[in-house]
Amino acid sequence: MRKETEAWWKQAQEDFDDAQFNFEGERYKTASFLCQQAVEKAFKAFLIEKKERLRKIHDLVELSREIGIPAHLLAGIKELTLAYIYSRYPDVKKELNLKEKAGYFLDVSREALQWVGENL
């Protein structure tokens, strides 16, 4: 594994661990944001390793298509892309069950990271 890949992959795993920690501490907005960050960094690690380049974008759907993530993961990835909104704007939290949403994002992130880890 390339050194740069390893750095991105390690950060993705740390962000996921931090997401779990924040979820357990009932910090659901932070957990959601860190799930999105974990997957973004994992996808970028994959791009660096397999395509020898880094794309400085934040759209998980576009990144997932570029790395060829399986179709069954794409719906969750689409929703996870919105975690940035859920975690940043105070008016959204009134409309969502943040605990439920953060739990869902943890599941999606876990699956995406597992796929990346198996394919790096």
C-alpha atoms as a PDB file:
ATOM      1  CA  MET A   1       0.000   0.000   0.000  1.00  0.00           C
ATOM      2  CA  ARG A   2       1.283   3.456  -0.894  1.00  0.00           C
ATOM      3  CA  LYS A   3       2.232   5.735   1.976  1.00  0.00           C
ATOM      4  CA  GLU A   4      -0.346   8.344   0.922  1.00  0.00           C
ATOM      5  CA  THR A   5      -3.045   5.665   0.665  1.00  0.00           C
ATOM      6  CA  GLU A   6      -2.179   4.435   4.117  1.00  0.00           C
ATOM      7  CA  ALA A   7      -2.487   7.950   5.582  1.00  0.00           C
ATOM      8  CA  TRP A   8      -5.948   8.487   4.064  1.00  0.00           C
ATOM      9  CA  TRP A   9      -7.104   4.994   5.069  1.00  0.00           C
ATOM     10  CA  LYS A  10      -5.887   5.464   8.645  1.00  0.00           C
ATOM     11  CA  GLN A  11      -7.714   8.804   8.889  1.00  0.00           C
ATOM     12  CA  ALA A  12     -10.889   7.199   7.516  1.00  0.00           C
ATOM     13  CA  GLN A  13     -10.735   4.530  10.213  1.00  0.00           C
ATOM     14  CA  GLU A  14     -10.078   7.116  12.929  1.00  0.00           C
ATOM     15  CA  ASP A  15     -13.024   9.210  11.745  1.00  0.00           C
ATOM     16  CA  PHE A  16     -15.238   6.123  11.872  1.00  0.00           C
ATOM     17  CA  ASP A  17     -14.043   5.280  15.395  1.00  0.00           C
ATOM     18  CA  ASP A  18     -14.732   8.884  16.413  1.00  0.00           C
ATOM     19  CA  ALA A  19     -18.198   8.641  14.848  1.00  0.00           C
ATOM     20  CA  GLN A  20     -18.961   5.596  16.994  1.00  0.00           C
ATOM     21  CA  PHE A  21     -17.627   7.347  20.097  1.00  0.00           C
ATOM     22  CA  ASN A  22     -19.783  10.404  19.448  1.00  0.00           C
ATOM     23  CA  PHE A  23     -22.847   8.247  18.759  1.00  0.00           C
ATOM     24  CA  GLU A  24     -22.389   6.510  22.108  1.00  0.00           C
ATOM     25  CA  GLY A  25     -22.036   9.953  23.707  1.00  0.00           C
ATOM     26  CA  GLU A  26     -25.324  11.031  22.088  1.00  0.00           C
ATOM     27  CA  ARG A  27     -23.586  13.556  19.828  1.00  0.00           C
ATOM     28  CA  TYR A  28     -25.565  12.504  16.793  1.00  0.00           C
ATOM     29  CA  LYS A  29     -24.809  15.456  14.513  1.00  0.00           C
ATOM     30  CA  THR A  30     -21.075  15.016  15.044  1.00  0.00           C
ATOM     31  CA  ALA A  31     -21.364  11.261  14.571  1.00  0.00           C
ATOM     32  CA  SER A  32     -23.213  11.797  11.285  1.00  0.00           C
ATOM     33  CA  PHE A  33     -20.629  14.249  10.006  1.00  0.00           C
ATOM     34  CA  LEU A  34     -17.759  11.930  10.916  1.00  0.00           C
ATOM     35  CA  CYS A  35     -19.452   9.034   9.109  1.00  0.00           C
ATOM     36  CA  GLN A  36     -19.523  11.116   5.945  1.00  0.00           C
ATOM     37  CA  GLN A  37     -15.897  12.116   6.449  1.00  0.00           C
ATOM     38  CA  ALA A  38     -14.797   8.523   7.064  1.00  0.00           C
ATOM     39  CA  VAL A  39     -16.333   7.310   3.830  1.00  0.00           C
ATOM     40  CA  GLU A  40     -15.019  10.244   1.818  1.00  0.00           C
ATOM     41  CA  LYS A  41     -11.470   9.595   3.058  1.00  0.00           C
ATOM     42  CA  ALA A  42     -11.780   5.849   2.474  1.00  0.00           C
ATOM     43  CA  PHE A  43     -12.921   6.441  -1.106  1.00  0.00           C
ATOM     44  CA  LYS A  44     -10.018   8.817  -1.646  1.00  0.00           C
ATOM     45  CA  ALA A  45      -7.601   6.221  -0.250  1.00  0.00           C
ATOM     46  CA  PHE A  46      -8.977   3.774  -2.811  1.00  0.00           C
ATOM     47  CA  LEU A  47      -8.541   6.294  -5.631  1.00  0.00           C
ATOM     48  CA  ILE A  48      -4.957   6.988  -4.620  1.00  0.00           C
ATOM     49  CA  GLU A  49      -4.121   3.309  -4.451  1.00  0.00           C
ATOM     50  CA  LYS A  50      -5.936   2.063  -7.544  1.00  0.00           C
ATOM     51  CA  LYS A  51      -6.030   5.070  -9.852  1.00  0.00           C
ATOM     52  CA  GLU A  52      -2.920   6.863  -8.580  1.00  0.00           C
ATOM     53  CA  ARG A  53      -4.683  10.177  -8.102  1.00  0.00           C
ATOM     54  CA  LEU A  54      -6.616  12.180  -5.575  1.00  0.00           C
ATOM     55  CA  ARG A  55      -9.836  14.006  -6.417  1.00  0.00           C
ATOM     56  CA  LYS A  56     -10.531  16.951  -4.193  1.00  0.00           C
ATOM     57  CA  ILE A  57     -14.311  16.662  -4.218  1.00  0.00           C
ATOM     58  CA  HIS A  58     -16.772  15.886  -1.446  1.00  0.00           C
ATOM     59  CA  ASP A  59     -19.590  14.201  -3.393  1.00  0.00           C
ATOM     60  CA  LEU A  60     -19.707  10.617  -2.149  1.00  0.00           C
ATOM     61  CA  VAL A  61     -21.945   9.523  -5.016  1.00  0.00           C
ATOM     62  CA  GLU A  62     -19.504  10.722  -7.648  1.00  0.00           C
ATOM     63  CA  LEU A  63     -16.563   9.210  -5.765  1.00  0.00           C
ATOM     64  CA  SER A  64     -18.403   5.906  -5.296  1.00  0.00           C
ATOM     65  CA  ARG A  65     -19.169   5.650  -8.995  1.00  0.00           C
ATOM     66  CA  GLU A  66     -15.559   6.363  -9.843  1.00  0.00           C
ATOM     67  CA  ILE A  67     -14.265   3.622  -7.582  1.00  0.00           C
ATOM     68  CA  GLY A  68     -16.946   1.153  -8.652  1.00  0.00           C
ATOM     69  CA  ILE A  69     -18.682   0.584  -5.345  1.00  0.00           C
ATOM     70  CA  PRO A  70     -21.371  -2.130  -5.586  1.00  0.00           C
ATOM     71  CA  ALA A  71     -24.854  -0.945  -6.511  1.00  0.00           C
ATOM     72  CA  HIS A  72     -26.409  -2.290  -3.307  1.00  0.00           C
ATOM     73  CA  LEU A  73     -24.367   0.247  -1.299  1.00  0.00           C
ATOM     74  CA  LEU A  74     -25.203   3.232  -3.472  1.00  0.00           C
ATOM     75  CA  ALA A  75     -28.566   4.136  -1.893  1.00  0.00           C
ATOM     76  CA  GLY A  76     -26.984   4.434   1.524  1.00  0.00           C
ATOM     77  CA  ILE A  77     -24.079   6.414   0.092  1.00  0.00           C
ATOM     78  CA  LYS A  78     -26.531   8.854  -1.499  1.00  0.00           C
ATOM     79  CA  GLU A  79     -28.133   9.488   1.866  1.00  0.00           C
ATOM     80  CA  LEU A  80     -24.801   9.673   3.659  1.00  0.00           C
ATOM     81  CA  THR A  81     -23.766  12.479   1.329  1.00  0.00           C
ATOM     82  CA  LEU A  82     -26.495  14.534   3.026  1.00  0.00           C
ATOM     83  CA  ALA A  83     -24.937  14.003   6.463  1.00  0.00           C
ATOM     84  CA  TYR A  84     -23.082  17.240   5.952  1.00  0.00           C
ATOM     85  CA  ILE A  85     -26.423  19.046   5.870  1.00  0.00           C
ATOM     86  CA  TYR A  86     -27.870  17.117   8.806  1.00  0.00           C
ATOM     87  CA  SER A  87     -24.852  17.949  10.918  1.00  0.00           C
ATOM     88  CA  ARG A  88     -24.474  21.625  10.003  1.00  0.00           C
ATOM     89  CA  TYR A  89     -27.878  23.242   9.861  1.00  0.00           C
ATOM     90  CA  PRO A  90     -29.902  23.655  13.078  1.00  0.00           C
ATOM     91  CA  ASP A  91     -33.320  23.700  11.410  1.00  0.00           C
ATOM     92  CA  VAL A  92     -32.879  20.187  10.006  1.00  0.00           C
ATOM     93  CA  LYS A  93     -32.692  18.535  13.419  1.00  0.00           C
ATOM     94  CA  LYS A  94     -36.317  19.448  14.108  1.00  0.00           C
ATOM     95  CA  GLU A  95     -37.403  17.340  11.163  1.00  0.00           C
ATOM     96  CA  LEU A  96     -35.333  14.224  11.820  1.00  0.00           C
ATOM     97  CA  ASN A  97     -34.771  11.624  14.454  1.00  0.00           C
ATOM     98  CA  LEU A  98     -31.036  12.325  14.689  1.00  0.00           C
ATOM     99  CA  LYS A  99     -30.281   9.220  16.735  1.00  0.00           C
ATOM    100  CA  GLU A 100     -31.965   6.993  14.177  1.00  0.00           C
ATOM    101  CA  LYS A 101     -30.305   8.794  11.269  1.00  0.00           C
ATOM    102  CA  ALA A 102     -26.845   8.670  12.882  1.00  0.00           C
ATOM    103  CA  GLY A 103     -27.287   4.945  13.565  1.00  0.00           C
ATOM    104  CA  TYR A 104     -28.162   4.416   9.922  1.00  0.00           C
ATOM    105  CA  PHE A 105     -25.114   6.421   8.834  1.00  0.00           C
ATOM    106  CA  LEU A 106     -22.893   4.276  11.064  1.00  0.00           C
ATOM    107  CA  ASP A 107     -24.227   1.149   9.354  1.00  0.00           C
ATOM    108  CA  VAL A 108     -23.707   2.596   5.871  1.00  0.00           C
ATOM    109  CA  SER A 109     -20.216   3.785   6.751  1.00  0.00           C
ATOM    110  CA  ARG A 110     -19.267   0.434   8.253  1.00  0.00           C
ATOM    111  CA  GLU A 111     -20.310  -1.365   5.064  1.00  0.00           C
ATOM    112  CA  ALA A 112     -18.524   1.123   2.799  1.00  0.00           C
ATOM    113  CA  LEU A 113     -15.309   0.968   4.829  1.00  0.00           C
ATOM    114  CA  GLN A 114     -15.475  -2.806   4.876  1.00  0.00           C
ATOM    115  CA  TRP A 115     -15.776  -2.872   1.074  1.00  0.00           C
ATOM    116  CA  VAL A 116     -12.865  -0.461   0.659  1.00  0.00           C
ATOM    117  CA  GLY A 117     -10.740  -2.450   3.102  1.00  0.00           C
ATOM    118  CA  GLU A 118     -11.411  -5.687   1.235  1.00  0.00           C
ATOM    119  CA  ASN A 119     -10.570  -4.075  -2.114  1.00  0.00           C
ATOM    120  CA  LEU A 120      -7.543  -1.939  -1.320  1.00  0.00           C
END
